[in-house]
């Protein structure tokens, strides 16, 4: 996932792959939380502020649907 300049988000961002912040042309403002497998590049102005109220709102506004579940047992 690549986030560009002028991006504002209130809530939770979950990325299962790589995350890039390309802040050219404006700031990237996130109020909530970001979880990514790997952050590969950070350019420009990036402001991430943890906000538990925004995370709670994200989980309570939409039902959570399990798309895939895998149980790996250790040998």
C-alpha atoms as a PDB file:
ATOM      1  CA  UNK A   1       0.000   0.000   0.000  1.00  0.00           C
ATOM      2  CA  UNK A   2       1.278   3.466  -0.855  1.00  0.00           C
ATOM      3  CA  UNK A   3      -0.099   6.526   0.930  1.00  0.00           C
ATOM      4  CA  UNK A   4       0.462   9.869  -0.794  1.00  0.00           C
ATOM      5  CA  UNK A   5       0.476  13.493   0.283  1.00  0.00           C
ATOM      6  CA  UNK A   6      -2.757  15.107   1.368  1.00  0.00           C
ATOM      7  CA  UNK A   7      -4.002  11.870   2.972  1.00  0.00           C
ATOM      8  CA  UNK A   8      -6.036  12.144   6.192  1.00  0.00           C
ATOM      9  CA  UNK A   9      -7.443   9.094   8.024  1.00  0.00           C
ATOM     10  CA  UNK A  10      -9.270   8.571  11.314  1.00  0.00           C
ATOM     11  CA  UNK A  11      -9.234   4.919  12.334  1.00  0.00           C
ATOM     12  CA  UNK A  12      -7.255   1.763  11.814  1.00  0.00           C
ATOM     13  CA  UNK A  13      -5.010   0.849   8.869  1.00  0.00           C
ATOM     14  CA  UNK A  14      -3.983  -2.826   8.520  1.00  0.00           C
ATOM     15  CA  UNK A  15      -1.587  -3.774   5.718  1.00  0.00           C
ATOM     16  CA  UNK A  16      -0.576  -7.395   5.160  1.00  0.00           C
ATOM     17  CA  UNK A  17       2.227  -6.404   2.786  1.00  0.00           C
ATOM     18  CA  UNK A  18       4.556  -3.440   2.385  1.00  0.00           C
ATOM     19  CA  UNK A  19       3.574   0.104   3.362  1.00  0.00           C
ATOM     20  CA  UNK A  20       5.100   3.226   1.792  1.00  0.00           C
ATOM     21  CA  UNK A  21       4.547   6.820   2.869  1.00  0.00           C
ATOM     22  CA  UNK A  22       5.029   9.255  -0.032  1.00  0.00           C
ATOM     23  CA  UNK A  23       4.183  12.615   1.530  1.00  0.00           C
ATOM     24  CA  UNK A  24       5.074  14.800  -1.449  1.00  0.00           C
ATOM     25  CA  UNK A  25       2.433  17.454  -2.127  1.00  0.00           C
ATOM     26  CA  UNK A  26       0.977  17.468   1.367  1.00  0.00           C
ATOM     27  CA  UNK A  27       1.002  15.879   4.778  1.00  0.00           C
ATOM     28  CA  UNK A  28      -0.078  12.371   5.710  1.00  0.00           C
ATOM     29  CA  UNK A  29      -2.169  12.523   8.902  1.00  0.00           C
ATOM     30  CA  UNK A  30      -3.396   9.375  10.633  1.00  0.00           C
ATOM     31  CA  UNK A  31      -5.328   9.446  13.921  1.00  0.00           C
ATOM     32  CA  UNK A  32      -5.805   5.877  15.142  1.00  0.00           C
ATOM     33  CA  UNK A  33      -3.199   3.191  14.462  1.00  0.00           C
ATOM     34  CA  UNK A  34      -1.180   1.624  11.661  1.00  0.00           C
ATOM     35  CA  UNK A  35      -0.076  -2.005  11.524  1.00  0.00           C
ATOM     36  CA  UNK A  36       1.911  -3.265   8.522  1.00  0.00           C
ATOM     37  CA  UNK A  37       4.034  -6.263   7.667  1.00  0.00           C
ATOM     38  CA  UNK A  38       6.879  -3.938   6.641  1.00  0.00           C
ATOM     39  CA  UNK A  39       7.360  -0.202   6.121  1.00  0.00           C
ATOM     40  CA  UNK A  40       9.657   0.223   3.134  1.00  0.00           C
ATOM     41  CA  UNK A  41       9.838   3.965   2.538  1.00  0.00           C
ATOM     42  CA  UNK A  42       8.957   7.158   4.418  1.00  0.00           C
ATOM     43  CA  UNK A  43       9.110  10.467   2.518  1.00  0.00           C
ATOM     44  CA  UNK A  44       7.677  13.870   3.407  1.00  0.00           C
ATOM     45  CA  UNK A  45       5.630  14.829   6.446  1.00  0.00           C
ATOM     46  CA  UNK A  46       3.984  11.869   8.150  1.00  0.00           C
ATOM     47  CA  UNK A  47       2.033  12.361  11.389  1.00  0.00           C
ATOM     48  CA  UNK A  48       0.684   9.204  13.042  1.00  0.00           C
ATOM     49  CA  UNK A  49      -1.059   9.714  16.374  1.00  0.00           C
ATOM     50  CA  UNK A  50      -2.351   6.743  18.329  1.00  0.00           C
ATOM     51  CA  UNK A  51      -6.019   7.296  19.182  1.00  0.00           C
ATOM     52  CA  UNK A  52      -7.872   4.466  20.946  1.00  0.00           C
ATOM     53  CA  UNK A  53     -11.255   6.173  20.418  1.00  0.00           C
ATOM     54  CA  UNK A  54     -10.812   6.029  16.628  1.00  0.00           C
ATOM     55  CA  UNK A  55      -9.803   2.348  16.814  1.00  0.00           C
ATOM     56  CA  UNK A  56     -12.841   1.548  18.960  1.00  0.00           C
ATOM     57  CA  UNK A  57     -15.084   3.415  16.520  1.00  0.00           C
ATOM     58  CA  UNK A  58     -13.631   1.432  13.587  1.00  0.00           C
ATOM     59  CA  UNK A  59     -14.381  -1.907  15.246  1.00  0.00           C
ATOM     60  CA  UNK A  60     -17.860  -0.921  16.455  1.00  0.00           C
ATOM     61  CA  UNK A  61     -19.130   0.703  13.248  1.00  0.00           C
ATOM     62  CA  UNK A  62     -18.784  -2.356  10.988  1.00  0.00           C
ATOM     63  CA  UNK A  63     -19.106  -6.084  11.640  1.00  0.00           C
ATOM     64  CA  UNK A  64     -15.853  -8.048  11.435  1.00  0.00           C
ATOM     65  CA  UNK A  65     -15.987 -10.783   8.785  1.00  0.00           C
ATOM     66  CA  UNK A  66     -13.436 -13.595   8.860  1.00  0.00           C
ATOM     67  CA  UNK A  67     -12.383 -14.215   5.271  1.00  0.00           C
ATOM     68  CA  UNK A  68      -9.798 -16.895   5.918  1.00  0.00           C
ATOM     69  CA  UNK A  69      -8.650 -18.749   8.998  1.00  0.00           C
ATOM     70  CA  UNK A  70      -5.787 -21.209   9.237  1.00  0.00           C
ATOM     71  CA  UNK A  71      -4.747 -23.128  12.326  1.00  0.00           C
ATOM     72  CA  UNK A  72      -1.175 -24.362  12.128  1.00  0.00           C
ATOM     73  CA  UNK A  73      -0.220 -26.854  14.777  1.00  0.00           C
ATOM     74  CA  UNK A  74       3.396 -26.991  15.893  1.00  0.00           C
ATOM     75  CA  UNK A  75       5.039 -30.401  15.743  1.00  0.00           C
END
